[in-house]
Amino acid sequence: MAIPGKSLNSLRTLSGRVDKVALPYRAYMQITCLEMEKSRRDRERNSAKERIASLDARLKEIDAAKQELLKVVSPSDGAAPAPARVGHLEVKPEPRRSGGGFKIRY
């Protein structure tokens, strides 16, 4: 009588029989990983909040600077601004150019 051949399929093992969550060290490892991810996400959120706060502050600075410049440029009585003067010469505004763009004729 021949001895039946053994292969990997005929070996008896306990793999797959134990619930992976039931092992305490695995559960603690998952808890640790979740806590580390929570900590990273919290730091990321705080960083984003600081970035948004700095952006808001810069937007306010831009608005304030814009208002200051508009006060300087626009006259207080609502009339058209006077042409600029350089010494005793009056500077005339540039003539208006056509909006047709650059054209090449052949």
N, C-alpha and C. Protein backbone atom coordinates (compact mmCIF):
# COMPACT_ATOMS: atom_id res chain seq x y z
N MET A 1 0.80 -1.16 0.00
CA MET A 1 0.00 0.00 0.00
C MET A 1 0.87 1.26 0.00
N ALA A 2 0.50 2.25 -0.82
CA ALA A 2 1.29 3.45 -0.95
C ALA A 2 0.85 4.50 0.07
N ILE A 3 1.82 5.23 0.54
CA ILE A 3 1.52 6.30 1.49
C ILE A 3 1.03 7.51 0.68
N PRO A 4 -0.14 8.06 1.10
CA PRO A 4 -0.64 9.21 0.34
C PRO A 4 0.32 10.40 0.46
N GLY A 5 0.52 11.14 -0.60
CA GLY A 5 1.42 12.29 -0.61
C GLY A 5 0.81 13.47 0.15
N LYS A 6 1.65 14.16 0.79
CA LYS A 6 1.19 15.33 1.54
C LYS A 6 1.58 16.59 0.75
N SER A 7 0.66 17.52 0.78
CA SER A 7 0.93 18.81 0.13
C SER A 7 0.51 19.92 1.09
N LEU A 8 0.67 21.15 0.65
CA LEU A 8 0.28 22.27 1.51
C LEU A 8 -1.22 22.28 1.77
N ASN A 9 -2.00 21.79 0.83
CA ASN A 9 -3.45 21.77 1.01
C ASN A 9 -3.90 20.76 2.06
N SER A 10 -3.11 19.74 2.31
CA SER A 10 -3.51 18.71 3.27
C SER A 10 -3.04 19.01 4.70
N LEU A 11 -2.23 20.05 4.90
CA LEU A 11 -1.76 20.39 6.24
C LEU A 11 -2.87 21.09 7.01
N ARG A 12 -3.04 20.68 8.27
CA ARG A 12 -4.02 21.31 9.14
C ARG A 12 -3.36 22.48 9.87
N THR A 13 -4.04 23.65 9.81
CA THR A 13 -3.53 24.83 10.52
C THR A 13 -4.66 25.50 11.27
N LEU A 14 -4.31 26.42 12.12
CA LEU A 14 -5.30 27.17 12.87
C LEU A 14 -5.55 28.56 12.25
N SER A 15 -4.93 28.81 11.12
CA SER A 15 -5.08 30.13 10.52
C SER A 15 -6.52 30.35 10.07
N GLY A 16 -6.99 31.54 10.32
CA GLY A 16 -8.35 31.88 9.94
C GLY A 16 -9.40 31.48 10.95
N ARG A 17 -9.03 30.75 11.99
CA ARG A 17 -10.00 30.31 12.99
C ARG A 17 -10.15 31.30 14.14
N VAL A 18 -9.15 32.15 14.36
CA VAL A 18 -9.19 33.08 15.48
C VAL A 18 -9.63 34.44 14.94
N ASP A 19 -10.60 35.02 15.63
CA ASP A 19 -11.06 36.35 15.25
C ASP A 19 -9.94 37.35 15.55
N LYS A 20 -9.58 38.13 14.53
CA LYS A 20 -8.44 39.04 14.69
C LYS A 20 -8.73 40.16 15.69
N VAL A 21 -9.98 40.58 15.83
CA VAL A 21 -10.31 41.63 16.78
C VAL A 21 -10.32 41.07 18.21
N ALA A 22 -10.54 39.80 18.34
CA ALA A 22 -10.60 39.20 19.67
C ALA A 22 -9.23 39.20 20.36
N LEU A 23 -8.17 39.29 19.58
CA LEU A 23 -6.84 39.33 20.18
C LEU A 23 -6.61 40.71 20.76
N PRO A 24 -6.32 40.80 22.04
CA PRO A 24 -6.20 42.10 22.70
C PRO A 24 -5.11 42.99 22.12
N TYR A 25 -3.97 42.43 21.77
CA TYR A 25 -2.89 43.28 21.28
C TYR A 25 -3.25 43.93 19.94
N ARG A 26 -4.05 43.23 19.13
CA ARG A 26 -4.47 43.83 17.86
C ARG A 26 -5.45 44.98 18.10
N ALA A 27 -6.34 44.79 19.05
CA ALA A 27 -7.29 45.85 19.37
C ALA A 27 -6.55 47.08 19.91
N TYR A 28 -5.57 46.86 20.79
CA TYR A 28 -4.79 47.99 21.31
C TYR A 28 -3.99 48.67 20.19
N MET A 29 -3.48 47.89 19.26
CA MET A 29 -2.74 48.46 18.13
C MET A 29 -3.67 49.32 17.27
N GLN A 30 -4.88 48.85 17.03
CA GLN A 30 -5.84 49.65 16.25
C GLN A 30 -6.21 50.94 16.99
N ILE A 31 -6.39 50.84 18.31
CA ILE A 31 -6.69 52.03 19.10
C ILE A 31 -5.54 53.03 19.01
N THR A 32 -4.31 52.52 19.10
CA THR A 32 -3.14 53.39 19.01
C THR A 32 -3.07 54.08 17.66
N CYS A 33 -3.32 53.33 16.60
CA CYS A 33 -3.28 53.91 15.25
C CYS A 33 -4.36 54.97 15.09
N LEU A 34 -5.55 54.71 15.62
CA LEU A 34 -6.63 55.69 15.53
C LEU A 34 -6.30 56.96 16.31
N GLU A 35 -5.70 56.82 17.47
CA GLU A 35 -5.32 57.99 18.27
C GLU A 35 -4.25 58.82 17.56
N MET A 36 -3.28 58.13 16.93
CA MET A 36 -2.24 58.86 16.20
C MET A 36 -2.84 59.60 15.00
N GLU A 37 -3.76 58.95 14.30
CA GLU A 37 -4.40 59.62 13.17
C GLU A 37 -5.22 60.82 13.64
N LYS A 38 -5.92 60.66 14.77
CA LYS A 38 -6.69 61.77 15.33
C LYS A 38 -5.78 62.94 15.68
N SER A 39 -4.63 62.66 16.24
CA SER A 39 -3.68 63.70 16.61
C SER A 39 -3.17 64.43 15.35
N ARG A 40 -2.84 63.67 14.30
CA ARG A 40 -2.37 64.28 13.06
C ARG A 40 -3.45 65.16 12.44
N ARG A 41 -4.68 64.66 12.42
CA ARG A 41 -5.79 65.43 11.83
C ARG A 41 -6.06 66.70 12.64
N ASP A 42 -5.91 66.63 13.94
CA ASP A 42 -6.12 67.80 14.80
C ASP A 42 -5.06 68.87 14.50
N ARG A 43 -3.80 68.45 14.38
CA ARG A 43 -2.74 69.40 14.03
C ARG A 43 -2.98 70.00 12.65
N GLU A 44 -3.43 69.18 11.71
CA GLU A 44 -3.73 69.65 10.36
C GLU A 44 -4.85 70.69 10.37
N ARG A 45 -5.89 70.42 11.18
CA ARG A 45 -7.02 71.36 11.28
C ARG A 45 -6.57 72.68 11.90
N ASN A 46 -5.76 72.62 12.96
CA ASN A 46 -5.26 73.85 13.59
C ASN A 46 -4.39 74.65 12.62
N SER A 47 -3.58 73.96 11.85
CA SER A 47 -2.74 74.63 10.86
C SER A 47 -3.61 75.32 9.81
N ALA A 48 -4.67 74.66 9.39
CA ALA A 48 -5.58 75.26 8.40
C ALA A 48 -6.29 76.48 8.99
N LYS A 49 -6.67 76.40 10.26
CA LYS A 49 -7.31 77.55 10.92
C LYS A 49 -6.36 78.74 10.97
N GLU A 50 -5.10 78.49 11.31
CA GLU A 50 -4.11 79.58 11.36
C GLU A 50 -3.90 80.17 9.98
N ARG A 51 -3.87 79.33 8.97
CA ARG A 51 -3.70 79.81 7.59
C ARG A 51 -4.88 80.67 7.17
N ILE A 52 -6.08 80.26 7.50
CA ILE A 52 -7.28 81.04 7.17
C ILE A 52 -7.26 82.36 7.91
N ALA A 53 -6.85 82.35 9.16
CA ALA A 53 -6.78 83.59 9.93
C ALA A 53 -5.77 84.56 9.31
N SER A 54 -4.63 84.04 8.87
CA SER A 54 -3.64 84.92 8.24
C SER A 54 -4.14 85.45 6.90
N LEU A 55 -4.87 84.65 6.17
CA LEU A 55 -5.45 85.11 4.90
C LEU A 55 -6.49 86.20 5.15
N ASP A 56 -7.34 86.00 6.15
CA ASP A 56 -8.34 87.02 6.48
C ASP A 56 -7.69 88.34 6.89
N ALA A 57 -6.63 88.24 7.69
CA ALA A 57 -5.92 89.45 8.11
C ALA A 57 -5.32 90.17 6.91
N ARG A 58 -4.74 89.43 6.00
CA ARG A 58 -4.15 90.05 4.82
C ARG A 58 -5.22 90.70 3.94
N LEU A 59 -6.38 90.06 3.82
CA LEU A 59 -7.48 90.64 3.04
C LEU A 59 -7.94 91.97 3.65
N LYS A 60 -7.99 92.03 4.99
CA LYS A 60 -8.35 93.28 5.65
C LYS A 60 -7.31 94.36 5.39
N GLU A 61 -6.02 93.99 5.42
CA GLU A 61 -4.95 94.94 5.14
C GLU A 61 -5.07 95.47 3.71
N ILE A 62 -5.39 94.59 2.78
CA ILE A 62 -5.53 94.99 1.38
C ILE A 62 -6.69 95.97 1.23
N ASP A 63 -7.82 95.67 1.87
CA ASP A 63 -8.98 96.57 1.79
C ASP A 63 -8.65 97.93 2.39
N ALA A 64 -7.95 97.96 3.51
CA ALA A 64 -7.58 99.23 4.15
C ALA A 64 -6.64 100.03 3.24
N ALA A 65 -5.66 99.36 2.65
CA ALA A 65 -4.73 100.05 1.76
C ALA A 65 -5.46 100.57 0.52
N LYS A 66 -6.40 99.80 0.02
CA LYS A 66 -7.17 100.22 -1.14
C LYS A 66 -8.00 101.47 -0.81
N GLN A 67 -8.63 101.47 0.34
CA GLN A 67 -9.43 102.62 0.75
C GLN A 67 -8.55 103.87 0.91
N GLU A 68 -7.38 103.71 1.48
CA GLU A 68 -6.46 104.84 1.64
C GLU A 68 -6.06 105.41 0.28
N LEU A 69 -5.75 104.53 -0.66
CA LEU A 69 -5.36 104.99 -1.99
C LEU A 69 -6.52 105.65 -2.71
N LEU A 70 -7.73 105.11 -2.55
CA LEU A 70 -8.90 105.73 -3.18
C LEU A 70 -9.16 107.12 -2.61
N LYS A 71 -8.92 107.31 -1.31
CA LYS A 71 -9.11 108.63 -0.71
C LYS A 71 -8.11 109.63 -1.28
N VAL A 72 -6.88 109.17 -1.51
CA VAL A 72 -5.85 110.06 -2.04
C VAL A 72 -6.15 110.41 -3.50
N VAL A 73 -6.59 109.43 -4.27
CA VAL A 73 -6.80 109.63 -5.70
C VAL A 73 -8.06 110.42 -6.00
N SER A 74 -9.17 110.07 -5.36
CA SER A 74 -10.44 110.72 -5.69
C SER A 74 -10.59 112.01 -4.90
N PRO A 75 -11.09 113.06 -5.58
CA PRO A 75 -11.31 114.32 -4.86
C PRO A 75 -12.52 114.20 -3.94
N SER A 76 -12.53 115.02 -2.89
CA SER A 76 -13.58 114.92 -1.88
C SER A 76 -14.90 115.53 -2.35
N ASP A 77 -14.88 116.48 -3.33
CA ASP A 77 -16.12 117.12 -3.75
C ASP A 77 -16.84 116.35 -4.85
N GLY A 78 -16.29 115.29 -5.37
CA GLY A 78 -16.94 114.48 -6.37
C GLY A 78 -16.67 114.92 -7.79
N ALA A 79 -15.90 115.98 -8.01
CA ALA A 79 -15.59 116.46 -9.35
C ALA A 79 -14.52 115.58 -9.97
N ALA A 80 -14.33 115.71 -11.26
CA ALA A 80 -13.31 114.95 -11.96
C ALA A 80 -11.94 115.38 -11.46
N PRO A 81 -11.01 114.47 -11.36
CA PRO A 81 -9.68 114.84 -10.87
C PRO A 81 -8.99 115.80 -11.83
N ALA A 82 -8.26 116.75 -11.25
CA ALA A 82 -7.53 117.72 -12.05
C ALA A 82 -6.34 117.04 -12.71
N PRO A 83 -5.98 117.50 -13.93
CA PRO A 83 -4.82 116.89 -14.59
C PRO A 83 -3.55 117.17 -13.78
N ALA A 84 -2.64 116.25 -13.86
CA ALA A 84 -1.40 116.35 -13.09
C ALA A 84 -0.51 117.44 -13.68
N ARG A 85 0.29 118.06 -12.83
CA ARG A 85 1.22 119.11 -13.27
C ARG A 85 2.64 118.71 -12.86
N VAL A 86 3.55 118.96 -13.76
CA VAL A 86 4.96 118.74 -13.48
C VAL A 86 5.64 120.10 -13.62
N GLY A 87 5.99 120.68 -12.48
CA GLY A 87 6.60 122.01 -12.51
C GLY A 87 5.60 123.01 -13.08
N HIS A 88 5.96 123.67 -14.16
CA HIS A 88 5.06 124.63 -14.80
C HIS A 88 4.36 124.02 -16.01
N LEU A 89 4.67 122.75 -16.35
CA LEU A 89 4.06 122.09 -17.51
C LEU A 89 2.85 121.27 -17.07
N GLU A 90 1.84 121.25 -17.90
CA GLU A 90 0.66 120.45 -17.62
C GLU A 90 0.78 119.14 -18.39
N VAL A 91 0.57 118.04 -17.71
CA VAL A 91 0.67 116.72 -18.34
C VAL A 91 -0.71 116.36 -18.87
N LYS A 92 -0.77 116.10 -20.17
CA LYS A 92 -2.04 115.74 -20.80
C LYS A 92 -2.19 114.22 -20.77
N PRO A 93 -3.42 113.75 -20.64
CA PRO A 93 -3.62 112.29 -20.68
C PRO A 93 -3.33 111.75 -22.07
N GLU A 94 -2.95 110.49 -22.14
CA GLU A 94 -2.65 109.85 -23.41
C GLU A 94 -3.90 109.78 -24.26
N PRO A 95 -3.77 109.92 -25.58
CA PRO A 95 -4.95 109.76 -26.42
C PRO A 95 -5.43 108.31 -26.38
N ARG A 96 -6.70 108.16 -26.53
CA ARG A 96 -7.30 106.83 -26.45
C ARG A 96 -6.94 106.03 -27.69
N ARG A 97 -6.52 104.82 -27.47
CA ARG A 97 -6.16 103.94 -28.58
C ARG A 97 -7.36 103.10 -28.97
N SER A 98 -7.37 102.69 -30.22
CA SER A 98 -8.49 101.85 -30.68
C SER A 98 -8.40 100.48 -30.02
N GLY A 99 -9.54 99.89 -29.80
CA GLY A 99 -9.57 98.58 -29.14
C GLY A 99 -9.48 97.44 -30.12
N GLY A 100 -9.07 97.72 -31.35
CA GLY A 100 -9.04 96.68 -32.38
C GLY A 100 -7.91 95.70 -32.22
N GLY A 101 -6.90 96.05 -31.47
CA GLY A 101 -5.79 95.15 -31.30
C GLY A 101 -4.75 95.32 -32.39
N PHE A 102 -3.82 94.41 -32.47
CA PHE A 102 -2.72 94.49 -33.42
C PHE A 102 -3.16 93.86 -34.73
N LYS A 103 -3.03 94.63 -35.83
CA LYS A 103 -3.44 94.12 -37.15
C LYS A 103 -2.27 94.20 -38.11
N ILE A 104 -2.15 93.18 -38.90
CA ILE A 104 -1.10 93.13 -39.91
C ILE A 104 -1.77 93.15 -41.28
N ARG A 105 -1.31 94.05 -42.14
CA ARG A 105 -1.84 94.11 -43.50
C ARG A 105 -0.78 93.60 -44.45
N TYR A 106 -1.21 92.83 -45.37
CA TYR A 106 -0.28 92.27 -46.37
C TYR A 106 -0.44 92.96 -47.69
